[in-house]
Amino acid sequence: MLELVEYIVRALVDDPDQVHVNEIEGETVAVYEVSVAEEDLGKVIGKGGRTANAIRTIVKAAAMKREKKATVEILS
């Protein structure tokens, strides 16, 4: 799942070397914290948060196939 989040976010930004994804594994849910360069933050969030919501939807769907729960947090 970590690789999936990294792959998606790196494809969206201009500076893929600045993408860092941290996985926090809980008992019931995994949280993926994404940090990107300041100038790429808008590209990851998208207009009205649409891109961020799409990333969350993809990750949730992939997690459901593994019978887990997951969410994505975008750090500023």
PDB file of N, CA and C in Angstrom:
ATOM      1  N   MET A   1       0.817  -1.189   0.000  1.00  0.00           N
ATOM      2  CA  MET A   1       0.000   0.000   0.000  1.00  0.00           C
ATOM      3  C   MET A   1       0.870   1.266   0.000  1.00  0.00           C
ATOM      4  N   LEU A   2       1.957   1.217   0.723  1.00  0.00           N
ATOM      5  CA  LEU A   2       2.871   2.357   0.772  1.00  0.00           C
ATOM      6  C   LEU A   2       3.395   2.679  -0.620  1.00  0.00           C
ATOM      7  N   GLU A   3       3.743   1.645  -1.366  1.00  0.00           N
ATOM      8  CA  GLU A   3       4.252   1.839  -2.723  1.00  0.00           C
ATOM      9  C   GLU A   3       3.179   2.425  -3.637  1.00  0.00           C
ATOM     10  N   LEU A   4       1.934   2.021  -3.438  1.00  0.00           N
ATOM     11  CA  LEU A   4       0.831   2.539  -4.240  1.00  0.00           C
ATOM     12  C   LEU A   4       0.666   4.040  -4.016  1.00  0.00           C
ATOM     13  N   VAL A   5       0.668   4.461  -2.769  1.00  0.00           N
ATOM     14  CA  VAL A   5       0.518   5.880  -2.446  1.00  0.00           C
ATOM     15  C   VAL A   5       1.683   6.675  -3.031  1.00  0.00           C
ATOM     16  N   GLU A   6       2.901   6.176  -2.850  1.00  0.00           N
ATOM     17  CA  GLU A   6       4.080   6.863  -3.400  1.00  0.00           C
ATOM     18  C   GLU A   6       3.991   6.978  -4.918  1.00  0.00           C
ATOM     19  N   TYR A   7       3.607   5.917  -5.571  1.00  0.00           N
ATOM     20  CA  TYR A   7       3.513   5.905  -7.034  1.00  0.00           C
ATOM     21  C   TYR A   7       2.522   6.950  -7.536  1.00  0.00           C
ATOM     22  N   ILE A   8       1.359   7.007  -6.918  1.00  0.00           N
ATOM     23  CA  ILE A   8       0.327   7.954  -7.342  1.00  0.00           C
ATOM     24  C   ILE A   8       0.792   9.388  -7.131  1.00  0.00           C
ATOM     25  N   VAL A   9       1.322   9.679  -5.954  1.00  0.00           N
ATOM     26  CA  VAL A   9       1.716  11.053  -5.636  1.00  0.00           C
ATOM     27  C   VAL A   9       2.906  11.493  -6.481  1.00  0.00           C
ATOM     28  N   ARG A  10       3.880  10.618  -6.678  1.00  0.00           N
ATOM     29  CA  ARG A  10       5.043  10.974  -7.497  1.00  0.00           C
ATOM     30  C   ARG A  10       4.638  11.295  -8.941  1.00  0.00           C
ATOM     31  N   ALA A  11       3.600  10.650  -9.434  1.00  0.00           N
ATOM     32  CA  ALA A  11       3.131  10.909 -10.798  1.00  0.00           C
ATOM     33  C   ALA A  11       2.471  12.285 -10.920  1.00  0.00           C
ATOM     34  N   LEU A  12       2.007  12.841  -9.813  1.00  0.00           N
ATOM     35  CA  LEU A  12       1.290  14.112  -9.844  1.00  0.00           C
ATOM     36  C   LEU A  12       2.184  15.341  -9.701  1.00  0.00           C
ATOM     37  N   VAL A  13       3.308  15.205  -9.042  1.00  0.00           N
ATOM     38  CA  VAL A  13       4.113  16.370  -8.672  1.00  0.00           C
ATOM     39  C   VAL A  13       5.236  16.651  -9.678  1.00  0.00           C
ATOM     40  N   ASP A  14       5.766  17.880  -9.599  1.00  0.00           N
ATOM     41  CA  ASP A  14       6.896  18.266 -10.446  1.00  0.00           C
ATOM     42  C   ASP A  14       8.228  17.803  -9.868  1.00  0.00           C
ATOM     43  N   ASP A  15       8.306  17.686  -8.541  1.00  0.00           N
ATOM     44  CA  ASP A  15       9.548  17.300  -7.868  1.00  0.00           C
ATOM     45  C   ASP A  15       9.338  15.991  -7.102  1.00  0.00           C
ATOM     46  N   PRO A  16       9.401  14.849  -7.788  1.00  0.00           N
ATOM     47  CA  PRO A  16       9.112  13.567  -7.127  1.00  0.00           C
ATOM     48  C   PRO A  16      10.123  13.182  -6.047  1.00  0.00           C
ATOM     49  N   ASP A  17      11.310  13.796  -6.057  1.00  0.00           N
ATOM     50  CA  ASP A  17      12.300  13.484  -5.026  1.00  0.00           C
ATOM     51  C   ASP A  17      11.902  14.035  -3.661  1.00  0.00           C
ATOM     52  N   GLN A  18      10.995  14.997  -3.630  1.00  0.00           N
ATOM     53  CA  GLN A  18      10.550  15.604  -2.380  1.00  0.00           C
ATOM     54  C   GLN A  18       9.334  14.890  -1.779  1.00  0.00           C
ATOM     55  N   VAL A  19       8.876  13.821  -2.399  1.00  0.00           N
ATOM     56  CA  VAL A  19       7.715  13.082  -1.894  1.00  0.00           C
ATOM     57  C   VAL A  19       8.166  12.123  -0.803  1.00  0.00           C
ATOM     58  N   HIS A  20       7.519  12.229   0.348  1.00  0.00           N
ATOM     59  CA  HIS A  20       7.791  11.321   1.468  1.00  0.00           C
ATOM     60  C   HIS A  20       6.459  10.796   1.988  1.00  0.00           C
ATOM     61  N   VAL A  21       6.361   9.485   2.113  1.00  0.00           N
ATOM     62  CA  VAL A  21       5.150   8.856   2.618  1.00  0.00           C
ATOM     63  C   VAL A  21       5.528   8.056   3.851  1.00  0.00           C
ATOM     64  N   ASN A  22       4.811   8.319   4.940  1.00  0.00           N
ATOM     65  CA  ASN A  22       5.049   7.636   6.202  1.00  0.00           C
ATOM     66  C   ASN A  22       3.825   6.786   6.528  1.00  0.00           C
ATOM     67  N   GLU A  23       4.038   5.534   6.856  1.00  0.00           N
ATOM     68  CA  GLU A  23       2.936   4.622   7.175  1.00  0.00           C
ATOM     69  C   GLU A  23       2.837   4.466   8.687  1.00  0.00           C
ATOM     70  N   ILE A  24       1.642   4.712   9.218  1.00  0.00           N
ATOM     71  CA  ILE A  24       1.377   4.501  10.637  1.00  0.00           C
ATOM     72  C   ILE A  24       0.344   3.385  10.730  1.00  0.00           C
ATOM     73  N   GLU A  25       0.779   2.260  11.236  1.00  0.00           N
ATOM     74  CA  GLU A  25      -0.055   1.060  11.294  1.00  0.00           C
ATOM     75  C   GLU A  25      -0.734   1.002  12.665  1.00  0.00           C
ATOM     76  N   GLY A  26      -2.072   1.071  12.669  1.00  0.00           N
ATOM     77  CA  GLY A  26      -2.838   0.939  13.897  1.00  0.00           C
ATOM     78  C   GLY A  26      -3.482  -0.432  13.970  1.00  0.00           C
ATOM     79  N   GLU A  27      -4.279  -0.645  15.002  1.00  0.00           N
ATOM     80  CA  GLU A  27      -4.951  -1.946  15.151  1.00  0.00           C
ATOM     81  C   GLU A  27      -6.014  -2.152  14.082  1.00  0.00           C
ATOM     82  N   THR A  28      -6.739  -1.085  13.767  1.00  0.00           N
ATOM     83  CA  THR A  28      -7.839  -1.239  12.824  1.00  0.00           C
ATOM     84  C   THR A  28      -7.634  -0.498  11.510  1.00  0.00           C
ATOM     85  N   VAL A  29      -6.709   0.458  11.490  1.00  0.00           N
ATOM     86  CA  VAL A  29      -6.550   1.279  10.291  1.00  0.00           C
ATOM     87  C   VAL A  29      -5.080   1.636  10.082  1.00  0.00           C
ATOM     88  N   ALA A  30      -4.705   1.767   8.827  1.00  0.00           N
ATOM     89  CA  ALA A  30      -3.370   2.242   8.469  1.00  0.00           C
ATOM     90  C   ALA A  30      -3.512   3.661   7.937  1.00  0.00           C
ATOM     91  N   VAL A  31      -2.667   4.555   8.424  1.00  0.00           N
ATOM     92  CA  VAL A  31      -2.697   5.950   7.995  1.00  0.00           C
ATOM     93  C   VAL A  31      -1.418   6.219   7.209  1.00  0.00           C
ATOM     94  N   TYR A  32      -1.572   6.806   6.037  1.00  0.00           N
ATOM     95  CA  TYR A  32      -0.438   7.157   5.199  1.00  0.00           C
ATOM     96  C   TYR A  32      -0.323   8.675   5.173  1.00  0.00           C
ATOM     97  N   GLU A  33       0.760   9.186   5.736  1.00  0.00           N
ATOM     98  CA  GLU A  33       1.010  10.622   5.774  1.00  0.00           C
ATOM     99  C   GLU A  33       1.887  10.986   4.583  1.00  0.00           C
ATOM    100  N   VAL A  34       1.408  11.903   3.760  1.00  0.00           N
ATOM    101  CA  VAL A  34       2.108  12.301   2.551  1.00  0.00           C
ATOM    102  C   VAL A  34       2.610  13.737   2.722  1.00  0.00           C
ATOM    103  N   SER A  35       3.897  13.929   2.469  1.00  0.00           N
ATOM    104  CA  SER A  35       4.430  15.286   2.442  1.00  0.00           C
ATOM    105  C   SER A  35       5.131  15.493   1.104  1.00  0.00           C
ATOM    106  N   VAL A  36       4.914  16.667   0.535  1.00  0.00           N
ATOM    107  CA  VAL A  36       5.488  17.017  -0.761  1.00  0.00           C
ATOM    108  C   VAL A  36       6.098  18.412  -0.655  1.00  0.00           C
ATOM    109  N   ALA A  37       6.792  18.829  -1.695  1.00  0.00           N
ATOM    110  CA  ALA A  37       7.346  20.183  -1.740  1.00  0.00           C
ATOM    111  C   ALA A  37       6.198  21.192  -1.691  1.00  0.00           C
ATOM    112  N   GLU A  38       6.478  22.347  -1.108  1.00  0.00           N
ATOM    113  CA  GLU A  38       5.454  23.387  -0.933  1.00  0.00           C
ATOM    114  C   GLU A  38       4.766  23.759  -2.248  1.00  0.00           C
ATOM    115  N   GLU A  39       5.534  23.856  -3.331  1.00  0.00           N
ATOM    116  CA  GLU A  39       4.941  24.252  -4.611  1.00  0.00           C
ATOM    117  C   GLU A  39       4.095  23.146  -5.241  1.00  0.00           C
ATOM    118  N   ASP A  40       4.223  21.914  -4.780  1.00  0.00           N
ATOM    119  CA  ASP A  40       3.441  20.798  -5.314  1.00  0.00           C
ATOM    120  C   ASP A  40       2.207  20.472  -4.484  1.00  0.00           C
ATOM    121  N   LEU A  41       2.032  21.157  -3.375  1.00  0.00           N
ATOM    122  CA  LEU A  41       0.926  20.850  -2.471  1.00  0.00           C
ATOM    123  C   LEU A  41      -0.428  21.006  -3.160  1.00  0.00           C
ATOM    124  N   GLY A  42      -0.581  22.042  -3.955  1.00  0.00           N
ATOM    125  CA  GLY A  42      -1.840  22.268  -4.664  1.00  0.00           C
ATOM    126  C   GLY A  42      -2.149  21.191  -5.684  1.00  0.00           C
ATOM    127  N   LYS A  43      -1.132  20.624  -6.278  1.00  0.00           N
ATOM    128  CA  LYS A  43      -1.344  19.563  -7.267  1.00  0.00           C
ATOM    129  C   LYS A  43      -1.833  18.281  -6.614  1.00  0.00           C
ATOM    130  N   VAL A  44      -1.376  18.025  -5.407  1.00  0.00           N
ATOM    131  CA  VAL A  44      -1.792  16.812  -4.700  1.00  0.00           C
ATOM    132  C   VAL A  44      -3.192  16.975  -4.120  1.00  0.00           C
ATOM    133  N   ILE A  45      -3.516  18.177  -3.657  1.00  0.00           N
ATOM    134  CA  ILE A  45      -4.841  18.419  -3.090  1.00  0.00           C
ATOM    135  C   ILE A  45      -5.881  18.573  -4.198  1.00  0.00           C
ATOM    136  N   GLY A  46      -5.550  19.328  -5.223  1.00  0.00           N
ATOM    137  CA  GLY A  46      -6.469  19.513  -6.340  1.00  0.00           C
ATOM    138  C   GLY A  46      -7.517  20.564  -6.051  1.00  0.00           C
ATOM    139  N   LYS A  47      -8.251  20.919  -7.059  1.00  0.00           N
ATOM    140  CA  LYS A  47      -9.289  21.949  -6.938  1.00  0.00           C
ATOM    141  C   LYS A  47     -10.425  21.416  -6.071  1.00  0.00           C
ATOM    142  N   GLY A  48     -10.650  22.083  -4.956  1.00  0.00           N
ATOM    143  CA  GLY A  48     -11.719  21.655  -4.046  1.00  0.00           C
ATOM    144  C   GLY A  48     -11.423  20.336  -3.365  1.00  0.00           C
ATOM    145  N   GLY A  49     -10.173  19.891  -3.396  1.00  0.00           N
ATOM    146  CA  GLY A  49      -9.813  18.634  -2.753  1.00  0.00           C
ATOM    147  C   GLY A  49     -10.153  17.399  -3.558  1.00  0.00           C
ATOM    148  N   ARG A  50     -10.462  17.583  -4.820  1.00  0.00           N
ATOM    149  CA  ARG A  50     -10.875  16.441  -5.652  1.00  0.00           C
ATOM    150  C   ARG A  50      -9.766  15.420  -5.842  1.00  0.00           C
ATOM    151  N   THR A  51      -8.545  15.873  -6.083  1.00  0.00           N
ATOM    152  CA  THR A  51      -7.440  14.942  -6.296  1.00  0.00           C
ATOM    153  C   THR A  51      -7.146  14.170  -5.016  1.00  0.00           C
ATOM    154  N   ALA A  52      -7.141  14.867  -3.877  1.00  0.00           N
ATOM    155  CA  ALA A  52      -6.894  14.214  -2.595  1.00  0.00           C
ATOM    156  C   ALA A  52      -7.981  13.172  -2.303  1.00  0.00           C
ATOM    157  N   ASN A  53      -9.219  13.508  -2.587  1.00  0.00           N
ATOM    158  CA  ASN A  53     -10.304  12.551  -2.368  1.00  0.00           C
ATOM    159  C   ASN A  53     -10.186  11.349  -3.301  1.00  0.00           C
ATOM    160  N   ALA A  54      -9.729  11.564  -4.519  1.00  0.00           N
ATOM    161  CA  ALA A  54      -9.549  10.457  -5.461  1.00  0.00           C
ATOM    162  C   ALA A  54      -8.444   9.521  -4.979  1.00  0.00           C
ATOM    163  N   ILE A  55      -7.356  10.102  -4.465  1.00  0.00           N
ATOM    164  CA  ILE A  55      -6.271   9.271  -3.917  1.00  0.00           C
ATOM    165  C   ILE A  55      -6.792   8.453  -2.743  1.00  0.00           C
ATOM    166  N   ARG A  56      -7.556   9.084  -1.859  1.00  0.00           N
ATOM    167  CA  ARG A  56      -8.121   8.365  -0.702  1.00  0.00           C
ATOM    168  C   ARG A  56      -9.037   7.223  -1.138  1.00  0.00           C
ATOM    169  N   THR A  57      -9.830   7.471  -2.167  1.00  0.00           N
ATOM    170  CA  THR A  57     -10.751   6.442  -2.663  1.00  0.00           C
ATOM    171  C   THR A  57      -9.990   5.244  -3.216  1.00  0.00           C
ATOM    172  N   ILE A  58      -8.939   5.498  -3.976  1.00  0.00           N
ATOM    173  CA  ILE A  58      -8.140   4.408  -4.536  1.00  0.00           C
ATOM    174  C   ILE A  58      -7.491   3.588  -3.423  1.00  0.00           C
ATOM    175  N   VAL A  59      -6.931   4.274  -2.436  1.00  0.00           N
ATOM    176  CA  VAL A  59      -6.259   3.576  -1.330  1.00  0.00           C
ATOM    177  C   VAL A  59      -7.261   2.783  -0.506  1.00  0.00           C
ATOM    178  N   LYS A  60      -8.433   3.339  -0.259  1.00  0.00           N
ATOM    179  CA  LYS A  60      -9.463   2.608   0.499  1.00  0.00           C
ATOM    180  C   LYS A  60      -9.912   1.362  -0.252  1.00  0.00           C
ATOM    181  N   ALA A  61     -10.067   1.481  -1.564  1.00  0.00           N
ATOM    182  CA  ALA A  61     -10.482   0.326  -2.371  1.00  0.00           C
ATOM    183  C   ALA A  61      -9.413  -0.762  -2.354  1.00  0.00           C
ATOM    184  N   ALA A  62      -8.154  -0.365  -2.461  1.00  0.00           N
ATOM    185  CA  ALA A  62      -7.067  -1.347  -2.426  1.00  0.00           C
ATOM    186  C   ALA A  62      -6.980  -2.002  -1.049  1.00  0.00           C
ATOM    187  N   ALA A  63      -7.233  -1.231  -0.003  1.00  0.00           N
ATOM    188  CA  ALA A  63      -7.182  -1.783   1.355  1.00  0.00           C
ATOM    189  C   ALA A  63      -8.332  -2.754   1.591  1.00  0.00           C
ATOM    190  N   MET A  64      -9.480  -2.472   1.030  1.00  0.00           N
ATOM    191  CA  MET A  64     -10.631  -3.363   1.211  1.00  0.00           C
ATOM    192  C   MET A  64     -10.370  -4.731   0.593  1.00  0.00           C
ATOM    193  N   LYS A  65      -9.617  -4.768  -0.502  1.00  0.00           N
ATOM    194  CA  LYS A  65      -9.278  -6.053  -1.117  1.00  0.00           C
ATOM    195  C   LYS A  65      -8.436  -6.899  -0.170  1.00  0.00           C
ATOM    196  N   ARG A  66      -7.693  -6.228   0.705  1.00  0.00           N
ATOM    197  CA  ARG A  66      -6.865  -6.930   1.688  1.00  0.00           C
ATOM    198  C   ARG A  66      -7.548  -7.029   3.042  1.00  0.00           C
ATOM    199  N   GLU A  67      -8.835  -6.675   3.062  1.00  0.00           N
ATOM    200  CA  GLU A  67      -9.659  -6.714   4.273  1.00  0.00           C
ATOM    201  C   GLU A  67      -9.062  -5.865   5.395  1.00  0.00           C
ATOM    202  N   LYS A  68      -8.620  -4.672   5.027  1.00  0.00           N
ATOM    203  CA  LYS A  68      -8.088  -3.711   5.990  1.00  0.00           C
ATOM    204  C   LYS A  68      -8.734  -2.353   5.725  1.00  0.00           C
ATOM    205  N   LYS A  69      -8.419  -1.401   6.585  1.00  0.00           N
ATOM    206  CA  LYS A  69      -8.876  -0.026   6.385  1.00  0.00           C
ATOM    207  C   LYS A  69      -7.649   0.859   6.281  1.00  0.00           C
ATOM    208  N   ALA A  70      -7.756   1.874   5.438  1.00  0.00           N
ATOM    209  CA  ALA A  70      -6.629   2.780   5.241  1.00  0.00           C
ATOM    210  C   ALA A  70      -7.140   4.166   4.906  1.00  0.00           C
ATOM    211  N   THR A  71      -6.349   5.153   5.256  1.00  0.00           N
ATOM    212  CA  THR A  71      -6.658   6.536   4.912  1.00  0.00           C
ATOM    213  C   THR A  71      -5.369   7.267   4.578  1.00  0.00           C
ATOM    214  N   VAL A  72      -5.512   8.374   3.868  1.00  0.00           N
ATOM    215  CA  VAL A  72      -4.371   9.166   3.446  1.00  0.00           C
ATOM    216  C   VAL A  72      -4.512  10.573   4.022  1.00  0.00           C
ATOM    217  N   GLU A  73      -3.466  11.049   4.670  1.00  0.00           N
ATOM    218  CA  GLU A  73      -3.405  12.408   5.190  1.00  0.00           C
ATOM    219  C   GLU A  73      -2.340  13.162   4.436  1.00  0.00           C
ATOM    220  N   ILE A  74      -2.656  14.364   3.987  1.00  0.00           N
ATOM    221  CA  ILE A  74      -1.684  15.182   3.262  1.00  0.00           C
ATOM    222  C   ILE A  74      -1.202  16.263   4.218  1.00  0.00           C
ATOM    223  N   LEU A  75       0.097  16.245   4.502  1.00  0.00           N
ATOM    224  CA  LEU A  75       0.695  17.185   5.434  1.00  0.00           C
ATOM    225  C   LEU A  75       1.168  18.417   4.691  1.00  0.00           C
ATOM    226  N   SER A  76       0.967  19.560   5.309  1.00  0.00           N
ATOM    227  CA  SER A  76       1.435  20.803   4.678  1.00  0.00           C
ATOM    228  C   SER A  76       2.748  21.248   5.248  1.00  0.00           C
TER     229      SER A  76
END
